[in-house]
Amino acid sequence: MMSTRSIVESATPQPAARPSPAAQIERLDQLILEAETRLEEQEAYVREIALVNGASAVASFELNKMQLLVALLREGRDRLSEAATA
Protein backbone atom coordinates (compact mmCIF):
# COMPACT_ATOMS: atom_id res chain seq x y z
CA MET A 1 0.00 0.00 0.00
CA MET A 2 1.41 3.38 -1.02
CA SER A 3 1.06 6.41 1.19
CA THR A 4 -0.12 9.74 -0.15
CA ARG A 5 3.44 11.06 0.12
CA SER A 6 4.97 8.17 -1.85
CA ILE A 7 2.38 8.59 -4.62
CA VAL A 8 3.11 12.31 -4.87
CA GLU A 9 6.88 11.75 -4.80
CA SER A 10 6.67 9.14 -7.53
CA ALA A 11 4.61 11.55 -9.66
CA THR A 12 7.21 14.31 -9.31
CA PRO A 13 9.32 14.47 -12.47
CA GLN A 14 13.03 13.88 -12.10
CA PRO A 15 15.42 16.64 -13.25
CA ALA A 16 16.94 14.32 -15.90
CA ALA A 17 15.58 14.00 -19.44
CA ARG A 18 11.82 14.40 -19.57
CA PRO A 19 9.93 11.30 -20.76
CA SER A 20 7.68 11.46 -23.79
CA PRO A 21 4.06 12.61 -23.31
CA ALA A 22 2.87 9.05 -23.95
CA ALA A 23 5.18 7.74 -21.22
CA GLN A 24 4.03 10.50 -18.85
CA ILE A 25 0.38 9.67 -19.54
CA GLU A 26 1.05 5.98 -18.93
CA ARG A 27 2.80 6.84 -15.66
CA LEU A 28 -0.09 9.06 -14.55
CA ASP A 29 -2.57 6.30 -15.40
CA GLN A 30 -0.62 3.93 -13.13
CA LEU A 31 -0.45 6.52 -10.35
CA ILE A 32 -4.19 7.15 -10.63
CA LEU A 33 -4.89 3.44 -10.26
CA GLU A 34 -2.64 3.24 -7.20
CA ALA A 35 -4.22 6.34 -5.68
CA GLU A 36 -7.75 5.04 -6.34
CA THR A 37 -6.85 1.77 -4.61
CA ARG A 38 -5.50 3.71 -1.63
CA LEU A 39 -8.64 5.88 -1.65
CA GLU A 40 -10.88 2.81 -1.50
CA GLU A 41 -8.85 1.48 1.43
CA GLN A 42 -9.07 4.83 3.20
CA GLU A 43 -12.84 5.01 2.65
CA ALA A 44 -13.27 1.56 4.18
CA TYR A 45 -11.07 2.58 7.12
CA VAL A 46 -13.11 5.74 7.75
CA ARG A 47 -16.34 3.72 7.71
CA GLU A 48 -14.85 1.21 10.14
CA ILE A 49 -13.58 3.91 12.51
CA ALA A 50 -16.95 5.69 12.42
CA LEU A 51 -18.75 2.46 13.33
CA VAL A 52 -16.38 1.58 16.16
CA ASN A 53 -16.07 4.87 18.02
CA GLY A 54 -17.31 7.73 15.88
CA ALA A 55 -13.98 9.60 16.17
CA SER A 56 -12.96 9.74 12.54
CA ALA A 57 -11.62 13.28 12.12
CA VAL A 58 -8.04 12.27 11.33
CA ALA A 59 -9.12 9.42 9.08
CA SER A 60 -11.57 11.74 7.30
CA PHE A 61 -8.79 14.27 6.76
CA GLU A 62 -6.59 11.55 5.19
CA LEU A 63 -9.55 10.54 3.02
CA ASN A 64 -9.98 14.12 1.85
CA LYS A 65 -6.26 14.30 0.98
CA MET A 66 -6.53 11.13 -1.10
CA GLN A 67 -9.62 12.42 -2.89
CA LEU A 68 -7.77 15.62 -3.73
CA LEU A 69 -4.71 13.68 -4.90
CA VAL A 70 -6.81 11.55 -7.25
CA ALA A 71 -8.49 14.66 -8.64
CA LEU A 72 -5.13 16.39 -9.18
CA LEU A 73 -3.64 13.34 -10.88
CA ARG A 74 -6.65 13.08 -13.19
CA GLU A 75 -6.47 16.79 -14.01
CA GLY A 76 -2.74 16.52 -14.76
CA ARG A 77 -3.32 13.50 -16.96
CA ASP A 78 -6.12 15.26 -18.86
CA ARG A 79 -4.02 18.38 -19.42
CA LEU A 80 -1.04 16.34 -20.56
CA SER A 81 -3.24 14.36 -22.93
CA GLU A 82 -4.73 17.56 -24.36
CA ALA A 83 -1.28 19.10 -24.82
CA ALA A 84 -0.02 15.95 -26.57
CA THR A 85 -2.87 16.05 -29.08
CA ALA A 86 -2.58 19.79 -29.73
PDB file of N, CA and C in Angstrom:
ATOM      1  N   MET A   1       0.853  -1.177   0.000  1.00  0.00           N
ATOM      2  CA  MET A   1       0.000   0.000   0.000  1.00  0.00           C
ATOM      3  C   MET A   1       0.898   1.239   0.000  1.00  0.00           C
ATOM      4  N   MET A   2       0.617   2.148  -0.918  1.00  0.00           N
ATOM      5  CA  MET A   2       1.409   3.378  -1.017  1.00  0.00           C
ATOM      6  C   MET A   2       0.751   4.479  -0.205  1.00  0.00           C
ATOM      7  N   SER A   3       1.569   5.260   0.459  1.00  0.00           N
ATOM      8  CA  SER A   3       1.057   6.408   1.193  1.00  0.00           C
ATOM      9  C   SER A   3       0.838   7.561   0.220  1.00  0.00           C
ATOM     10  N   THR A   4       0.112   8.557   0.672  1.00  0.00           N
ATOM     11  CA  THR A   4      -0.117   9.741  -0.155  1.00  0.00           C
ATOM     12  C   THR A   4       1.210  10.368  -0.551  1.00  0.00           C
ATOM     13  N   ARG A   5       2.129  10.447   0.388  1.00  0.00           N
ATOM     14  CA  ARG A   5       3.439  11.059   0.124  1.00  0.00           C
ATOM     15  C   ARG A   5       4.203  10.279  -0.940  1.00  0.00           C
ATOM     16  N   SER A   6       4.206   8.951  -0.864  1.00  0.00           N
ATOM     17  CA  SER A   6       4.968   8.172  -1.847  1.00  0.00           C
ATOM     18  C   SER A   6       4.350   8.279  -3.235  1.00  0.00           C
ATOM     19  N   ILE A   7       3.028   8.403  -3.320  1.00  0.00           N
ATOM     20  CA  ILE A   7       2.382   8.587  -4.615  1.00  0.00           C
ATOM     21  C   ILE A   7       2.772   9.928  -5.205  1.00  0.00           C
ATOM     22  N   VAL A   8       2.742  10.978  -4.394  1.00  0.00           N
ATOM     23  CA  VAL A   8       3.108  12.314  -4.873  1.00  0.00           C
ATOM     24  C   VAL A   8       4.572  12.347  -5.280  1.00  0.00           C
ATOM     25  N   GLU A   9       5.454  11.756  -4.473  1.00  0.00           N
ATOM     26  CA  GLU A   9       6.880  11.754  -4.797  1.00  0.00           C
ATOM     27  C   GLU A   9       7.154  10.988  -6.083  1.00  0.00           C
ATOM     28  N   SER A  10       6.434   9.902  -6.310  1.00  0.00           N
ATOM     29  CA  SER A  10       6.665   9.145  -7.534  1.00  0.00           C
ATOM     30  C   SER A  10       6.096   9.859  -8.763  1.00  0.00           C
ATOM     31  N   ALA A  11       5.163  10.782  -8.544  1.00  0.00           N
ATOM     32  CA  ALA A  11       4.614  11.552  -9.662  1.00  0.00           C
ATOM     33  C   ALA A  11       5.470  12.761 -10.004  1.00  0.00           C
ATOM     34  N   THR A  12       6.361  13.143  -9.104  1.00  0.00           N
ATOM     35  CA  THR A  12       7.209  14.306  -9.311  1.00  0.00           C
ATOM     36  C   THR A  12       8.275  13.985 -10.353  1.00  0.00           C
ATOM     37  N   PRO A  13       8.329  14.761 -11.436  1.00  0.00           N
ATOM     38  CA  PRO A  13       9.319  14.471 -12.473  1.00  0.00           C
ATOM     39  C   PRO A  13      10.743  14.642 -11.962  1.00  0.00           C
ATOM     40  N   GLN A  14      11.625  13.798 -12.450  1.00  0.00           N
ATOM     41  CA  GLN A  14      13.035  13.876 -12.105  1.00  0.00           C
ATOM     42  C   GLN A  14      13.693  14.950 -12.972  1.00  0.00           C
ATOM     43  N   PRO A  15      14.779  15.569 -12.494  1.00  0.00           N
ATOM     44  CA  PRO A  15      15.420  16.641 -13.250  1.00  0.00           C
ATOM     45  C   PRO A  15      16.113  16.153 -14.529  1.00  0.00           C
ATOM     46  N   ALA A  16      16.289  14.855 -14.694  1.00  0.00           N
ATOM     47  CA  ALA A  16      16.936  14.324 -15.899  1.00  0.00           C
ATOM     48  C   ALA A  16      16.009  14.512 -17.104  1.00  0.00           C
ATOM     49  N   ALA A  17      16.352  13.878 -18.202  1.00  0.00           N
ATOM     50  CA  ALA A  17      15.577  14.001 -19.439  1.00  0.00           C
ATOM     51  C   ALA A  17      14.101  13.704 -19.192  1.00  0.00           C
ATOM     52  N   ARG A  18      13.269  14.537 -19.754  1.00  0.00           N
ATOM     53  CA  ARG A  18      11.825  14.399 -19.571  1.00  0.00           C
ATOM     54  C   ARG A  18      11.296  13.282 -20.481  1.00  0.00           C
ATOM     55  N   PRO A  19      10.482  12.369 -19.926  1.00  0.00           N
ATOM     56  CA  PRO A  19       9.926  11.301 -20.759  1.00  0.00           C
ATOM     57  C   PRO A  19       8.916  11.848 -21.762  1.00  0.00           C
ATOM     58  N   SER A  20       8.628  11.051 -22.762  1.00  0.00           N
ATOM     59  CA  SER A  20       7.676  11.461 -23.792  1.00  0.00           C
ATOM     60  C   SER A  20       6.290  11.650 -23.176  1.00  0.00           C
ATOM     61  N   PRO A  21       5.426  12.446 -23.842  1.00  0.00           N
ATOM     62  CA  PRO A  21       4.058  12.614 -23.313  1.00  0.00           C
ATOM     63  C   PRO A  21       3.336  11.280 -23.141  1.00  0.00           C
ATOM     64  N   ALA A  22       3.529  10.360 -24.068  1.00  0.00           N
ATOM     65  CA  ALA A  22       2.866   9.053 -23.947  1.00  0.00           C
ATOM     66  C   ALA A  22       3.343   8.324 -22.694  1.00  0.00           C
ATOM     67  N   ALA A  23       4.636   8.383 -22.415  1.00  0.00           N
ATOM     68  CA  ALA A  23       5.177   7.740 -21.218  1.00  0.00           C
ATOM     69  C   ALA A  23       4.669   8.433 -19.958  1.00  0.00           C
ATOM     70  N   GLN A  24       4.556   9.752 -20.005  1.00  0.00           N
ATOM     71  CA  GLN A  24       4.035  10.496 -18.851  1.00  0.00           C
ATOM     72  C   GLN A  24       2.574  10.134 -18.602  1.00  0.00           C
ATOM     73  N   ILE A  25       1.791  10.025 -19.674  1.00  0.00           N
ATOM     74  CA  ILE A  25       0.376   9.668 -19.539  1.00  0.00           C
ATOM     75  C   ILE A  25       0.247   8.266 -18.964  1.00  0.00           C
ATOM     76  N   GLU A  26       1.070   7.345 -19.450  1.00  0.00           N
ATOM     77  CA  GLU A  26       1.048   5.979 -18.933  1.00  0.00           C
ATOM     78  C   GLU A  26       1.398   5.968 -17.439  1.00  0.00           C
ATOM     79  N   ARG A  27       2.397   6.742 -17.065  1.00  0.00           N
ATOM     80  CA  ARG A  27       2.804   6.835 -15.663  1.00  0.00           C
ATOM     81  C   ARG A  27       1.680   7.426 -14.810  1.00  0.00           C
ATOM     82  N   LEU A  28       1.025   8.464 -15.298  1.00  0.00           N
ATOM     83  CA  LEU A  28      -0.088   9.055 -14.551  1.00  0.00           C
ATOM     84  C   LEU A  28      -1.247   8.073 -14.424  1.00  0.00           C
ATOM     85  N   ASP A  29      -1.512   7.309 -15.487  1.00  0.00           N
ATOM     86  CA  ASP A  29      -2.567   6.295 -15.402  1.00  0.00           C
ATOM     87  C   ASP A  29      -2.272   5.302 -14.282  1.00  0.00           C
ATOM     88  N   GLN A  30      -1.018   4.867 -14.178  1.00  0.00           N
ATOM     89  CA  GLN A  30      -0.625   3.932 -13.127  1.00  0.00           C
ATOM     90  C   GLN A  30      -0.766   4.576 -11.745  1.00  0.00           C
ATOM     91  N   LEU A  31      -0.328   5.813 -11.633  1.00  0.00           N
ATOM     92  CA  LEU A  31      -0.446   6.515 -10.346  1.00  0.00           C
ATOM     93  C   LEU A  31      -1.903   6.703  -9.948  1.00  0.00           C
ATOM     94  N   ILE A  32      -2.760   6.987 -10.914  1.00  0.00           N
ATOM     95  CA  ILE A  32      -4.189   7.154 -10.626  1.00  0.00           C
ATOM     96  C   ILE A  32      -4.772   5.849 -10.101  1.00  0.00           C
ATOM     97  N   LEU A  33      -4.409   4.733 -10.740  1.00  0.00           N
ATOM     98  CA  LEU A  33      -4.893   3.441 -10.264  1.00  0.00           C
ATOM     99  C   LEU A  33      -4.430   3.166  -8.834  1.00  0.00           C
ATOM    100  N   GLU A  34      -3.172   3.446  -8.548  1.00  0.00           N
ATOM    101  CA  GLU A  34      -2.644   3.242  -7.200  1.00  0.00           C
ATOM    102  C   GLU A  34      -3.346   4.152  -6.190  1.00  0.00           C
ATOM    103  N   ALA A  35      -3.563   5.391  -6.579  1.00  0.00           N
ATOM    104  CA  ALA A  35      -4.222   6.342  -5.681  1.00  0.00           C
ATOM    105  C   ALA A  35      -5.681   5.946  -5.452  1.00  0.00           C
ATOM    106  N   GLU A  36      -6.357   5.469  -6.498  1.00  0.00           N
ATOM    107  CA  GLU A  36      -7.746   5.039  -6.336  1.00  0.00           C
ATOM    108  C   GLU A  36      -7.837   3.823  -5.410  1.00  0.00           C
ATOM    109  N   THR A  37      -6.880   2.923  -5.512  1.00  0.00           N
ATOM    110  CA  THR A  37      -6.847   1.773  -4.609  1.00  0.00           C
ATOM    111  C   THR A  37      -6.670   2.244  -3.172  1.00  0.00           C
ATOM    112  N   ARG A  38      -5.738   3.155  -2.973  1.00  0.00           N
ATOM    113  CA  ARG A  38      -5.499   3.712  -1.634  1.00  0.00           C
ATOM    114  C   ARG A  38      -6.739   4.443  -1.130  1.00  0.00           C
ATOM    115  N   LEU A  39      -7.424   5.155  -2.023  1.00  0.00           N
ATOM    116  CA  LEU A  39      -8.637   5.879  -1.655  1.00  0.00           C
ATOM    117  C   LEU A  39      -9.723   4.911  -1.191  1.00  0.00           C
ATOM    118  N   GLU A  40      -9.889   3.808  -1.900  1.00  0.00           N
ATOM    119  CA  GLU A  40     -10.883   2.808  -1.495  1.00  0.00           C
ATOM    120  C   GLU A  40     -10.551   2.242  -0.112  1.00  0.00           C
ATOM    121  N   GLU A  41      -9.267   1.973   0.119  1.00  0.00           N
ATOM    122  CA  GLU A  41      -8.846   1.480   1.430  1.00  0.00           C
ATOM    123  C   GLU A  41      -9.129   2.504   2.518  1.00  0.00           C
ATOM    124  N   GLN A  42      -8.848   3.767   2.216  1.00  0.00           N
ATOM    125  CA  GLN A  42      -9.072   4.828   3.202  1.00  0.00           C
ATOM    126  C   GLN A  42     -10.558   5.013   3.475  1.00  0.00           C
ATOM    127  N   GLU A  43     -11.397   4.905   2.453  1.00  0.00           N
ATOM    128  CA  GLU A  43     -12.841   5.013   2.650  1.00  0.00           C
ATOM    129  C   GLU A  43     -13.346   3.900   3.567  1.00  0.00           C
ATOM    130  N   ALA A  44     -12.869   2.689   3.331  1.00  0.00           N
ATOM    131  CA  ALA A  44     -13.267   1.558   4.176  1.00  0.00           C
ATOM    132  C   ALA A  44     -12.809   1.782   5.611  1.00  0.00           C
ATOM    133  N   TYR A  45     -11.607   2.306   5.779  1.00  0.00           N
ATOM    134  CA  TYR A  45     -11.070   2.577   7.116  1.00  0.00           C
ATOM    135  C   TYR A  45     -11.918   3.632   7.836  1.00  0.00           C
ATOM    136  N   VAL A  46     -12.295   4.681   7.138  1.00  0.00           N
ATOM    137  CA  VAL A  46     -13.113   5.736   7.751  1.00  0.00           C
ATOM    138  C   VAL A  46     -14.469   5.166   8.180  1.00  0.00           C
ATOM    139  N   ARG A  47     -15.065   4.340   7.341  1.00  0.00           N
ATOM    140  CA  ARG A  47     -16.342   3.721   7.707  1.00  0.00           C
ATOM    141  C   ARG A  47     -16.180   2.856   8.959  1.00  0.00           C
ATOM    142  N   GLU A  48     -15.096   2.078   8.999  1.00  0.00           N
ATOM    143  CA  GLU A  48     -14.847   1.206  10.143  1.00  0.00           C
ATOM    144  C   GLU A  48     -14.640   2.013  11.423  1.00  0.00           C
ATOM    145  N   ILE A  49     -13.833   3.059  11.337  1.00  0.00           N
ATOM    146  CA  ILE A  49     -13.583   3.914  12.510  1.00  0.00           C
ATOM    147  C   ILE A  49     -14.881   4.559  12.988  1.00  0.00           C
ATOM    148  N   ALA A  50     -15.689   5.034  12.054  1.00  0.00           N
ATOM    149  CA  ALA A  50     -16.946   5.691  12.423  1.00  0.00           C
ATOM    150  C   ALA A  50     -17.888   4.711  13.126  1.00  0.00           C
ATOM    151  N   LEU A  51     -17.885   3.458  12.688  1.00  0.00           N
ATOM    152  CA  LEU A  51     -18.745   2.462  13.326  1.00  0.00           C
ATOM    153  C   LEU A  51     -18.252   2.095  14.719  1.00  0.00           C
ATOM    154  N   VAL A  52     -16.939   2.024  14.886  1.00  0.00           N
ATOM    155  CA  VAL A  52     -16.376   1.582  16.162  1.00  0.00           C
ATOM    156  C   VAL A  52     -16.511   2.651  17.239  1.00  0.00           C
ATOM    157  N   ASN A  53     -16.045   3.867  16.947  1.00  0.00           N
ATOM    158  CA  ASN A  53     -16.070   4.867  18.020  1.00  0.00           C
ATOM    159  C   ASN A  53     -16.510   6.252  17.576  1.00  0.00           C
ATOM    160  N   GLY A  54     -16.807   6.443  16.348  1.00  0.00           N
ATOM    161  CA  GLY A  54     -17.305   7.729  15.878  1.00  0.00           C
ATOM    162  C   GLY A  54     -16.263   8.829  15.776  1.00  0.00           C
ATOM    163  N   ALA A  55     -15.038   8.600  16.217  1.00  0.00           N
ATOM    164  CA  ALA A  55     -13.978   9.605  16.166  1.00  0.00           C
ATOM    165  C   ALA A  55     -13.159   9.389  14.894  1.00  0.00           C
ATOM    166  N   SER A  56     -13.597   9.996  13.832  1.00  0.00           N
ATOM    167  CA  SER A  56     -12.960   9.736  12.536  1.00  0.00           C
ATOM    168  C   SER A  56     -12.381  10.995  11.899  1.00  0.00           C
ATOM    169  N   ALA A  57     -12.096  12.018  12.688  1.00  0.00           N
ATOM    170  CA  ALA A  57     -11.624  13.283  12.121  1.00  0.00           C
ATOM    171  C   ALA A  57     -10.304  13.119  11.376  1.00  0.00           C
ATOM    172  N   VAL A  58      -9.339  12.446  11.972  1.00  0.00           N
ATOM    173  CA  VAL A  58      -8.035  12.269  11.331  1.00  0.00           C
ATOM    174  C   VAL A  58      -8.178  11.396  10.092  1.00  0.00           C
ATOM    175  N   ALA A  59      -8.911  10.304  10.217  1.00  0.00           N
ATOM    176  CA  ALA A  59      -9.119   9.416   9.077  1.00  0.00           C
ATOM    177  C   ALA A  59      -9.865  10.140   7.960  1.00  0.00           C
ATOM    178  N   SER A  60     -10.825  10.965   8.312  1.00  0.00           N
ATOM    179  CA  SER A  60     -11.567  11.740   7.301  1.00  0.00           C
ATOM    180  C   SER A  60     -10.654  12.739   6.607  1.00  0.00           C
ATOM    181  N   PHE A  61      -9.744  13.340   7.353  1.00  0.00           N
ATOM    182  CA  PHE A  61      -8.786  14.269   6.756  1.00  0.00           C
ATOM    183  C   PHE A  61      -7.902  13.536   5.753  1.00  0.00           C
ATOM    184  N   GLU A  62      -7.412  12.353   6.115  1.00  0.00           N
ATOM    185  CA  GLU A  62      -6.595  11.552   5.193  1.00  0.00           C
ATOM    186  C   GLU A  62      -7.403  11.173   3.964  1.00  0.00           C
ATOM    187  N   LEU A  63      -8.667  10.858   4.139  1.00  0.00           N
ATOM    188  CA  LEU A  63      -9.546  10.536   3.020  1.00  0.00           C
ATOM    189  C   LEU A  63      -9.678  11.735   2.091  1.00  0.00           C
ATOM    190  N   ASN A  64      -9.861  12.909   2.663  1.00  0.00           N
ATOM    191  CA  ASN A  64      -9.975  14.120   1.846  1.00  0.00           C
ATOM    192  C   ASN A  64      -8.690  14.378   1.064  1.00  0.00           C
ATOM    193  N   LYS A  65      -7.541  14.130   1.687  1.00  0.00           N
ATOM    194  CA  LYS A  65      -6.260  14.299   0.983  1.00  0.00           C
ATOM    195  C   LYS A  65      -6.166  13.346  -0.197  1.00  0.00           C
ATOM    196  N   MET A  66      -6.586  12.102  -0.001  1.00  0.00           N
ATOM    197  CA  MET A  66      -6.525  11.126  -1.102  1.00  0.00           C
ATOM    198  C   MET A  66      -7.486  11.499  -2.221  1.00  0.00           C
ATOM    199  N   GLN A  67      -8.670  11.993  -1.865  1.00  0.00           N
ATOM    200  CA  GLN A  67      -9.620  12.423  -2.891  1.00  0.00           C
ATOM    201  C   GLN A  67      -9.041  13.570  -3.713  1.00  0.00           C
ATOM    202  N   LEU A  68      -8.398  14.505  -3.046  1.00  0.00           N
ATOM    203  CA  LEU A  68      -7.767  15.624  -3.733  1.00  0.00           C
ATOM    204  C   LEU A  68      -6.625  15.138  -4.614  1.00  0.00           C
ATOM    205  N   LEU A  69      -5.813  14.222  -4.115  1.00  0.00           N
ATOM    206  CA  LEU A  69      -4.711  13.680  -4.895  1.00  0.00           C
ATOM    207  C   LEU A  69      -5.213  13.015  -6.175  1.00  0.00           C
ATOM    208  N   VAL A  70      -6.253  12.212  -6.067  1.00  0.00           N
ATOM    209  CA  VAL A  70      -6.810  11.548  -7.248  1.00  0.00           C
ATOM    210  C   VAL A  70      -7.312  12.596  -8.240  1.00  0.00           C
ATOM    211  N   ALA A  71      -7.989  13.608  -7.750  1.00  0.00           N
ATOM    212  CA  ALA A  71      -8.491  14.660  -8.635  1.00  0.00           C
ATOM    213  C   ALA A  71      -7.351  15.398  -9.327  1.00  0.00           C
ATOM    214  N   LEU A  72      -6.281  15.705  -8.585  1.00  0.00           N
ATOM    215  CA  LEU A  72      -5.132  16.394  -9.180  1.00  0.00           C
ATOM    216  C   LEU A  72      -4.420  15.524 -10.215  1.00  0.00           C
ATOM    217  N   LEU A  73      -4.270  14.247  -9.918  1.00  0.00           N
ATOM    218  CA  LEU A  73      -3.637  13.342 -10.883  1.00  0.00           C
ATOM    219  C   LEU A  73      -4.463  13.249 -12.158  1.00  0.00           C
ATOM    220  N   ARG A  74      -5.776  13.140 -12.007  1.00  0.00           N
ATOM    221  CA  ARG A  74      -6.655  13.076 -13.191  1.00  0.00           C
ATOM    222  C   ARG A  74      -6.565  14.362 -14.002  1.00  0.00           C
ATOM    223  N   GLU A  75      -6.571  15.495 -13.320  1.00  0.00           N
ATOM    224  CA  GLU A  75      -6.469  16.786 -14.013  1.00  0.00           C
ATOM    225  C   GLU A  75      -5.138  16.885 -14.752  1.00  0.00           C
ATOM    226  N   GLY A  76      -4.050  16.496 -14.108  1.00  0.00           N
ATOM    227  CA  GLY A  76      -2.740  16.523 -14.760  1.00  0.00           C
ATOM    228  C   GLY A  76      -2.699  15.619 -15.964  1.00  0.00           C
ATOM    229  N   ARG A  77      -3.279  14.434 -15.843  1.00  0.00           N
ATOM    230  CA  ARG A  77      -3.318  13.504 -16.962  1.00  0.00           C
ATOM    231  C   ARG A  77      -4.137  14.083 -18.113  1.00  0.00           C
ATOM    232  N   ASP A  78      -5.283  14.667 -17.813  1.00  0.00           N
ATOM    233  CA  ASP A  78      -6.121  15.264 -18.857  1.00  0.00           C
ATOM    234  C   ASP A  78      -5.398  16.401 -19.572  1.00  0.00           C
ATOM    235  N   ARG A  79      -4.743  17.259 -18.810  1.00  0.00           N
ATOM    236  CA  ARG A  79      -4.017  18.381 -19.424  1.00  0.00           C
ATOM    237  C   ARG A  79      -2.861  17.896 -20.283  1.00  0.00           C
ATOM    238  N   LEU A  80      -2.148  16.901 -19.804  1.00  0.00           N
ATOM    239  CA  LEU A  80      -1.043  16.338 -20.564  1.00  0.00           C
ATOM    240  C   LEU A  80      -1.545  15.700 -21.855  1.00  0.00           C
ATOM    241  N   SER A  81      -2.643  14.999 -21.755  1.00  0.00           N
ATOM    242  CA  SER A  81      -3.238  14.357 -22.930  1.00  0.00           C
ATOM    243  C   SER A  81      -3.684  15.402 -23.944  1.00  0.00           C
ATOM    244  N   GLU A  82      -4.301  16.484 -23.473  1.00  0.00           N
ATOM    245  CA  GLU A  82      -4.729  17.564 -24.362  1.00  0.00           C
ATOM    246  C   GLU A  82      -3.532  18.235 -25.029  1.00  0.00           C
ATOM    247  N   ALA A  83      -2.482  18.463 -24.267  1.00  0.00           N
ATOM    248  CA  ALA A  83      -1.281  19.096 -24.819  1.00  0.00           C
ATOM    249  C   ALA A  83      -0.611  18.194 -25.843  1.00  0.00           C
ATOM    250  N   ALA A  84      -0.654  16.889 -25.635  1.00  0.00           N
ATOM    251  CA  ALA A  84      -0.021  15.951 -26.566  1.00  0.00           C
ATOM    252  C   ALA A  84      -0.769  15.890 -27.895  1.00  0.00           C
ATOM    253  N   THR A  85      -2.087  16.106 -27.852  1.00  0.00           N
ATOM    254  CA  THR A  85      -2.872  16.053 -29.076  1.00  0.00           C
ATOM    255  C   THR A  85      -2.947  17.386 -29.798  1.00  0.00           C
ATOM    256  N   ALA A  86      -2.508  18.443 -29.125  1.00  0.00           N
ATOM    257  CA  ALA A  86      -2.576  19.789 -29.729  1.00  0.00           C
ATOM    258  C   ALA A  86      -1.411  20.070 -30.643  1.00  0.00           C
TER     259      ALA A  86
END
